[in-house]
Amino acid sequence: MGSVLDGYRNALKETQKAFAEYRQSALLPEEPANELTREDFKGSKWLVIRYGVQILEVIHAAIIIAKQEGVSVSLDLASFEMVQKFRSPFLQLLESGSIDLCFANDDEATEL
């Protein structure tokens, strides 16, 4: 069985395959943070973080590698319900200084 990370790598290469389609088949728990490599980020311009605050260890590892590779990092707050549920991790990410761009609507921003 392939890993979630391998599946994501393949999904990135298959441009016609939607990310949502990939995520539906992804198994949890997520890949361990130590399986991420600098090679995973080579040639990338953005790391987009969305719907993943439950896996903070992996997110922090990805951000560190992205920054080492000169990759910008964006965070999508997802929904005001997600912000309510995961307010502290969202704030931690935003206050870390590693998020270059944050997507939020009025409701999500108000919840912070």
N, C-alpha and C. Protein backbone atom coordinates (compact mmCIF):
# COMPACT_ATOMS: atom_id res chain seq x y z
N MET A 1 0.85 -1.17 0.00
CA MET A 1 0.00 0.00 0.00
C MET A 1 0.90 1.24 0.00
N GLY A 2 0.59 2.20 -0.87
CA GLY A 2 1.35 3.44 -0.93
C GLY A 2 1.02 4.33 0.25
N SER A 3 1.90 5.22 0.53
CA SER A 3 1.68 6.15 1.64
C SER A 3 0.86 7.34 1.17
N VAL A 4 0.32 8.08 2.12
CA VAL A 4 -0.43 9.29 1.81
C VAL A 4 0.46 10.27 1.09
N LEU A 5 1.70 10.40 1.54
CA LEU A 5 2.63 11.34 0.92
C LEU A 5 2.94 10.94 -0.51
N ASP A 6 3.14 9.65 -0.77
CA ASP A 6 3.37 9.19 -2.14
C ASP A 6 2.16 9.50 -3.01
N GLY A 7 0.98 9.29 -2.47
CA GLY A 7 -0.24 9.60 -3.22
C GLY A 7 -0.32 11.06 -3.57
N TYR A 8 0.06 11.91 -2.64
CA TYR A 8 0.03 13.35 -2.88
C TYR A 8 1.05 13.72 -3.96
N ARG A 9 2.23 13.13 -3.87
CA ARG A 9 3.26 13.40 -4.90
C ARG A 9 2.72 13.03 -6.28
N ASN A 10 2.07 11.87 -6.38
CA ASN A 10 1.52 11.45 -7.66
C ASN A 10 0.40 12.38 -8.11
N ALA A 11 -0.43 12.81 -7.17
CA ALA A 11 -1.54 13.71 -7.51
C ALA A 11 -1.01 15.03 -8.05
N LEU A 12 0.09 15.51 -7.50
CA LEU A 12 0.68 16.75 -7.99
C LEU A 12 1.15 16.61 -9.42
N LYS A 13 1.64 15.43 -9.77
CA LYS A 13 2.14 15.19 -11.12
C LYS A 13 0.99 15.03 -12.12
N GLU A 14 -0.14 14.58 -11.66
CA GLU A 14 -1.30 14.38 -12.54
C GLU A 14 -2.18 15.61 -12.44
N THR A 15 -1.91 16.59 -13.26
CA THR A 15 -2.58 17.88 -13.12
C THR A 15 -4.08 17.79 -13.31
N GLN A 16 -4.57 16.78 -14.00
CA GLN A 16 -6.00 16.67 -14.19
C GLN A 16 -6.71 16.08 -12.97
N LYS A 17 -5.96 15.59 -12.01
CA LYS A 17 -6.56 14.97 -10.83
C LYS A 17 -6.77 16.02 -9.74
N ALA A 18 -7.99 16.21 -9.32
CA ALA A 18 -8.31 17.23 -8.32
C ALA A 18 -7.78 16.82 -6.94
N PHE A 19 -7.33 17.81 -6.18
CA PHE A 19 -6.84 17.55 -4.83
C PHE A 19 -7.92 16.94 -3.97
N ALA A 20 -9.16 17.41 -4.11
CA ALA A 20 -10.26 16.86 -3.30
C ALA A 20 -10.43 15.37 -3.56
N GLU A 21 -10.27 14.98 -4.81
CA GLU A 21 -10.37 13.56 -5.16
C GLU A 21 -9.27 12.76 -4.47
N TYR A 22 -8.06 13.33 -4.44
CA TYR A 22 -6.96 12.66 -3.76
C TYR A 22 -7.23 12.54 -2.27
N ARG A 23 -7.67 13.64 -1.63
CA ARG A 23 -7.88 13.63 -0.18
C ARG A 23 -8.96 12.65 0.24
N GLN A 24 -9.95 12.42 -0.61
CA GLN A 24 -11.01 11.48 -0.26
C GLN A 24 -10.45 10.08 -0.06
N SER A 25 -9.40 9.76 -0.78
CA SER A 25 -8.85 8.41 -0.67
C SER A 25 -7.67 8.33 0.30
N ALA A 26 -7.29 9.46 0.87
CA ALA A 26 -6.15 9.48 1.79
C ALA A 26 -6.52 8.81 3.11
N LEU A 27 -5.61 8.01 3.60
CA LEU A 27 -5.83 7.32 4.86
C LEU A 27 -5.24 8.14 6.00
N LEU A 28 -5.86 8.09 7.14
CA LEU A 28 -5.33 8.74 8.34
C LEU A 28 -4.86 7.66 9.29
N PRO A 29 -3.93 7.87 10.18
CA PRO A 29 -3.30 9.14 10.45
C PRO A 29 -2.38 9.56 9.32
N GLU A 30 -2.03 10.82 9.31
CA GLU A 30 -1.20 11.38 8.25
C GLU A 30 0.21 10.82 8.34
N GLU A 31 0.95 11.09 7.28
CA GLU A 31 2.33 10.65 7.22
C GLU A 31 3.14 11.28 8.35
N PRO A 32 4.10 10.55 8.87
CA PRO A 32 4.97 11.14 9.89
C PRO A 32 5.76 12.31 9.29
N ALA A 33 6.00 13.31 10.11
CA ALA A 33 6.71 14.50 9.65
C ALA A 33 8.10 14.17 9.11
N ASN A 34 8.72 13.12 9.64
CA ASN A 34 10.09 12.80 9.21
C ASN A 34 10.15 12.20 7.81
N GLU A 35 9.00 11.96 7.18
CA GLU A 35 9.02 11.44 5.81
C GLU A 35 9.06 12.55 4.77
N LEU A 36 8.88 13.79 5.18
CA LEU A 36 8.99 14.91 4.25
C LEU A 36 10.46 15.16 3.95
N THR A 37 10.74 15.48 2.69
CA THR A 37 12.12 15.78 2.31
C THR A 37 12.18 17.10 1.54
N ARG A 38 13.37 17.66 1.47
CA ARG A 38 13.56 18.89 0.69
C ARG A 38 13.22 18.65 -0.77
N GLU A 39 13.45 17.44 -1.23
CA GLU A 39 13.15 17.10 -2.62
C GLU A 39 11.66 17.27 -2.93
N ASP A 40 10.81 17.05 -1.94
CA ASP A 40 9.36 17.21 -2.13
C ASP A 40 8.99 18.65 -2.48
N PHE A 41 9.84 19.60 -2.15
CA PHE A 41 9.53 21.02 -2.33
C PHE A 41 10.32 21.66 -3.47
N LYS A 42 11.25 20.93 -4.06
CA LYS A 42 12.08 21.47 -5.14
C LYS A 42 11.18 21.94 -6.28
N GLY A 43 11.43 23.16 -6.74
CA GLY A 43 10.68 23.71 -7.87
C GLY A 43 9.32 24.28 -7.51
N SER A 44 8.92 24.15 -6.26
CA SER A 44 7.62 24.68 -5.84
C SER A 44 7.75 26.16 -5.50
N LYS A 45 6.65 26.87 -5.68
CA LYS A 45 6.62 28.28 -5.31
C LYS A 45 5.81 28.51 -4.05
N TRP A 46 4.81 27.66 -3.82
CA TRP A 46 3.91 27.83 -2.66
C TRP A 46 3.64 26.50 -1.98
N LEU A 47 3.59 26.55 -0.67
CA LEU A 47 3.03 25.47 0.15
C LEU A 47 1.69 25.99 0.63
N VAL A 48 0.62 25.31 0.29
CA VAL A 48 -0.73 25.73 0.65
C VAL A 48 -1.23 24.82 1.77
N ILE A 49 -1.52 25.41 2.93
CA ILE A 49 -2.01 24.65 4.08
C ILE A 49 -3.50 24.90 4.19
N ARG A 50 -4.26 23.79 4.18
CA ARG A 50 -5.71 23.90 4.23
C ARG A 50 -6.27 22.66 4.90
N TYR A 51 -7.23 22.84 5.78
CA TYR A 51 -7.93 21.74 6.45
C TYR A 51 -6.99 20.79 7.16
N GLY A 52 -5.84 21.24 7.59
CA GLY A 52 -4.89 20.31 8.16
C GLY A 52 -4.39 20.63 9.54
N VAL A 53 -5.09 21.48 10.27
CA VAL A 53 -4.54 21.87 11.57
C VAL A 53 -4.51 20.73 12.56
N GLN A 54 -5.17 19.62 12.26
CA GLN A 54 -5.15 18.47 13.16
C GLN A 54 -3.79 17.78 13.13
N ILE A 55 -2.97 18.06 12.13
CA ILE A 55 -1.69 17.39 11.96
C ILE A 55 -0.54 18.40 12.07
N LEU A 56 -0.50 19.10 13.19
CA LEU A 56 0.45 20.20 13.36
C LEU A 56 1.91 19.79 13.21
N GLU A 57 2.26 18.61 13.66
CA GLU A 57 3.66 18.17 13.54
C GLU A 57 4.09 18.14 12.08
N VAL A 58 3.23 17.62 11.21
CA VAL A 58 3.53 17.54 9.78
C VAL A 58 3.56 18.94 9.18
N ILE A 59 2.61 19.79 9.58
CA ILE A 59 2.56 21.16 9.06
C ILE A 59 3.83 21.92 9.43
N HIS A 60 4.25 21.83 10.68
CA HIS A 60 5.47 22.53 11.10
C HIS A 60 6.69 22.03 10.34
N ALA A 61 6.79 20.72 10.15
CA ALA A 61 7.91 20.16 9.40
C ALA A 61 7.88 20.64 7.95
N ALA A 62 6.70 20.67 7.36
CA ALA A 62 6.56 21.13 5.97
C ALA A 62 6.95 22.60 5.85
N ILE A 63 6.53 23.41 6.81
CA ILE A 63 6.87 24.85 6.77
C ILE A 63 8.37 25.05 6.87
N ILE A 64 9.03 24.32 7.75
CA ILE A 64 10.48 24.46 7.92
C ILE A 64 11.19 24.14 6.61
N ILE A 65 10.82 23.03 5.99
CA ILE A 65 11.46 22.64 4.73
C ILE A 65 11.12 23.64 3.63
N ALA A 66 9.86 24.07 3.57
CA ALA A 66 9.46 25.04 2.55
C ALA A 66 10.30 26.30 2.65
N LYS A 67 10.48 26.80 3.86
CA LYS A 67 11.26 28.02 4.05
C LYS A 67 12.72 27.81 3.67
N GLN A 68 13.27 26.62 3.96
CA GLN A 68 14.65 26.31 3.57
C GLN A 68 14.80 26.32 2.05
N GLU A 69 13.73 25.96 1.36
CA GLU A 69 13.75 25.90 -0.10
C GLU A 69 13.28 27.19 -0.75
N GLY A 70 12.98 28.21 0.05
CA GLY A 70 12.52 29.48 -0.51
C GLY A 70 11.08 29.45 -1.00
N VAL A 71 10.30 28.52 -0.47
CA VAL A 71 8.90 28.37 -0.86
C VAL A 71 8.03 29.22 0.05
N SER A 72 7.12 29.99 -0.53
CA SER A 72 6.17 30.78 0.26
C SER A 72 5.10 29.87 0.84
N VAL A 73 4.52 30.28 1.97
CA VAL A 73 3.53 29.45 2.67
C VAL A 73 2.23 30.23 2.82
N SER A 74 1.13 29.59 2.41
CA SER A 74 -0.19 30.20 2.61
C SER A 74 -1.03 29.31 3.52
N LEU A 75 -1.94 29.94 4.23
CA LEU A 75 -2.84 29.24 5.14
C LEU A 75 -4.26 29.65 4.81
N ASP A 76 -5.11 28.66 4.55
CA ASP A 76 -6.53 28.90 4.31
C ASP A 76 -7.26 28.55 5.60
N LEU A 77 -7.95 29.51 6.17
CA LEU A 77 -8.64 29.26 7.45
C LEU A 77 -9.84 28.33 7.32
N ALA A 78 -10.21 27.96 6.12
CA ALA A 78 -11.18 26.89 5.84
C ALA A 78 -12.63 27.28 6.07
N SER A 79 -13.01 27.56 7.28
CA SER A 79 -14.39 27.93 7.61
C SER A 79 -14.40 28.47 9.03
N PHE A 80 -15.43 29.23 9.37
CA PHE A 80 -15.47 29.77 10.73
C PHE A 80 -15.62 28.65 11.75
N GLU A 81 -16.25 27.53 11.35
CA GLU A 81 -16.35 26.39 12.27
C GLU A 81 -14.97 25.80 12.57
N MET A 82 -14.13 25.72 11.53
CA MET A 82 -12.76 25.22 11.73
C MET A 82 -11.98 26.17 12.63
N VAL A 83 -12.17 27.47 12.45
CA VAL A 83 -11.48 28.45 13.28
C VAL A 83 -11.94 28.33 14.73
N GLN A 84 -13.25 28.13 14.94
CA GLN A 84 -13.77 27.94 16.30
C GLN A 84 -13.12 26.73 16.95
N LYS A 85 -13.06 25.64 16.20
CA LYS A 85 -12.57 24.38 16.75
C LYS A 85 -11.05 24.38 16.96
N PHE A 86 -10.33 25.03 16.06
CA PHE A 86 -8.86 24.98 16.08
C PHE A 86 -8.24 26.38 16.19
N ARG A 87 -8.88 27.25 16.95
CA ARG A 87 -8.42 28.64 17.07
C ARG A 87 -6.96 28.73 17.52
N SER A 88 -6.62 28.02 18.56
CA SER A 88 -5.26 28.09 19.09
C SER A 88 -4.20 27.66 18.07
N PRO A 89 -4.36 26.51 17.40
CA PRO A 89 -3.36 26.15 16.38
C PRO A 89 -3.28 27.15 15.23
N PHE A 90 -4.44 27.68 14.81
CA PHE A 90 -4.41 28.69 13.74
C PHE A 90 -3.62 29.92 14.20
N LEU A 91 -3.90 30.39 15.41
CA LEU A 91 -3.18 31.56 15.93
C LEU A 91 -1.68 31.28 16.05
N GLN A 92 -1.35 30.08 16.51
CA GLN A 92 0.05 29.70 16.63
C GLN A 92 0.75 29.79 15.28
N LEU A 93 0.10 29.26 14.24
CA LEU A 93 0.69 29.32 12.90
C LEU A 93 0.83 30.76 12.42
N LEU A 94 -0.22 31.55 12.60
CA LEU A 94 -0.20 32.94 12.13
C LEU A 94 0.83 33.78 12.88
N GLU A 95 0.95 33.56 14.18
CA GLU A 95 1.89 34.35 14.99
C GLU A 95 3.34 33.88 14.85
N SER A 96 3.54 32.73 14.23
CA SER A 96 4.90 32.20 14.07
C SER A 96 5.73 33.03 13.09
N GLY A 97 5.06 33.80 12.24
CA GLY A 97 5.78 34.58 11.24
C GLY A 97 6.12 33.80 9.99
N SER A 98 5.74 32.52 9.93
CA SER A 98 6.07 31.72 8.75
C SER A 98 4.99 31.69 7.69
N ILE A 99 3.85 32.29 7.96
CA ILE A 99 2.76 32.31 6.98
C ILE A 99 2.88 33.60 6.17
N ASP A 100 3.04 33.44 4.86
CA ASP A 100 3.20 34.60 3.98
C ASP A 100 1.87 35.17 3.51
N LEU A 101 0.85 34.32 3.43
CA LEU A 101 -0.46 34.74 2.94
C LEU A 101 -1.53 33.94 3.65
N CYS A 102 -2.54 34.62 4.17
CA CYS A 102 -3.65 33.94 4.86
C CYS A 102 -4.95 34.26 4.14
N PHE A 103 -5.70 33.21 3.81
CA PHE A 103 -7.01 33.36 3.19
C PHE A 103 -8.07 33.27 4.29
N ALA A 104 -8.92 34.29 4.38
CA ALA A 104 -9.98 34.29 5.40
C ALA A 104 -11.12 35.17 4.91
N ASN A 105 -12.34 34.72 5.18
CA ASN A 105 -13.47 35.61 4.92
C ASN A 105 -13.78 36.37 6.22
N ASP A 106 -14.79 37.22 6.19
CA ASP A 106 -15.11 38.04 7.37
C ASP A 106 -15.42 37.19 8.60
N ASP A 107 -16.21 36.12 8.41
CA ASP A 107 -16.58 35.26 9.54
C ASP A 107 -15.36 34.59 10.17
N GLU A 108 -14.46 34.09 9.32
CA GLU A 108 -13.26 33.42 9.82
C GLU A 108 -12.36 34.40 10.56
N ALA A 109 -12.18 35.57 9.99
CA ALA A 109 -11.34 36.59 10.63
C ALA A 109 -11.92 37.03 11.96
N THR A 110 -13.25 37.15 12.03
CA THR A 110 -13.91 37.55 13.27
C THR A 110 -13.71 36.50 14.36
N GLU A 111 -13.72 35.23 14.00
CA GLU A 111 -13.54 34.14 14.97
C GLU A 111 -12.16 34.15 15.60
N LEU A 112 -11.17 34.67 14.89
CA LEU A 112 -9.82 34.73 15.46
C LEU A 112 -9.76 35.75 16.57
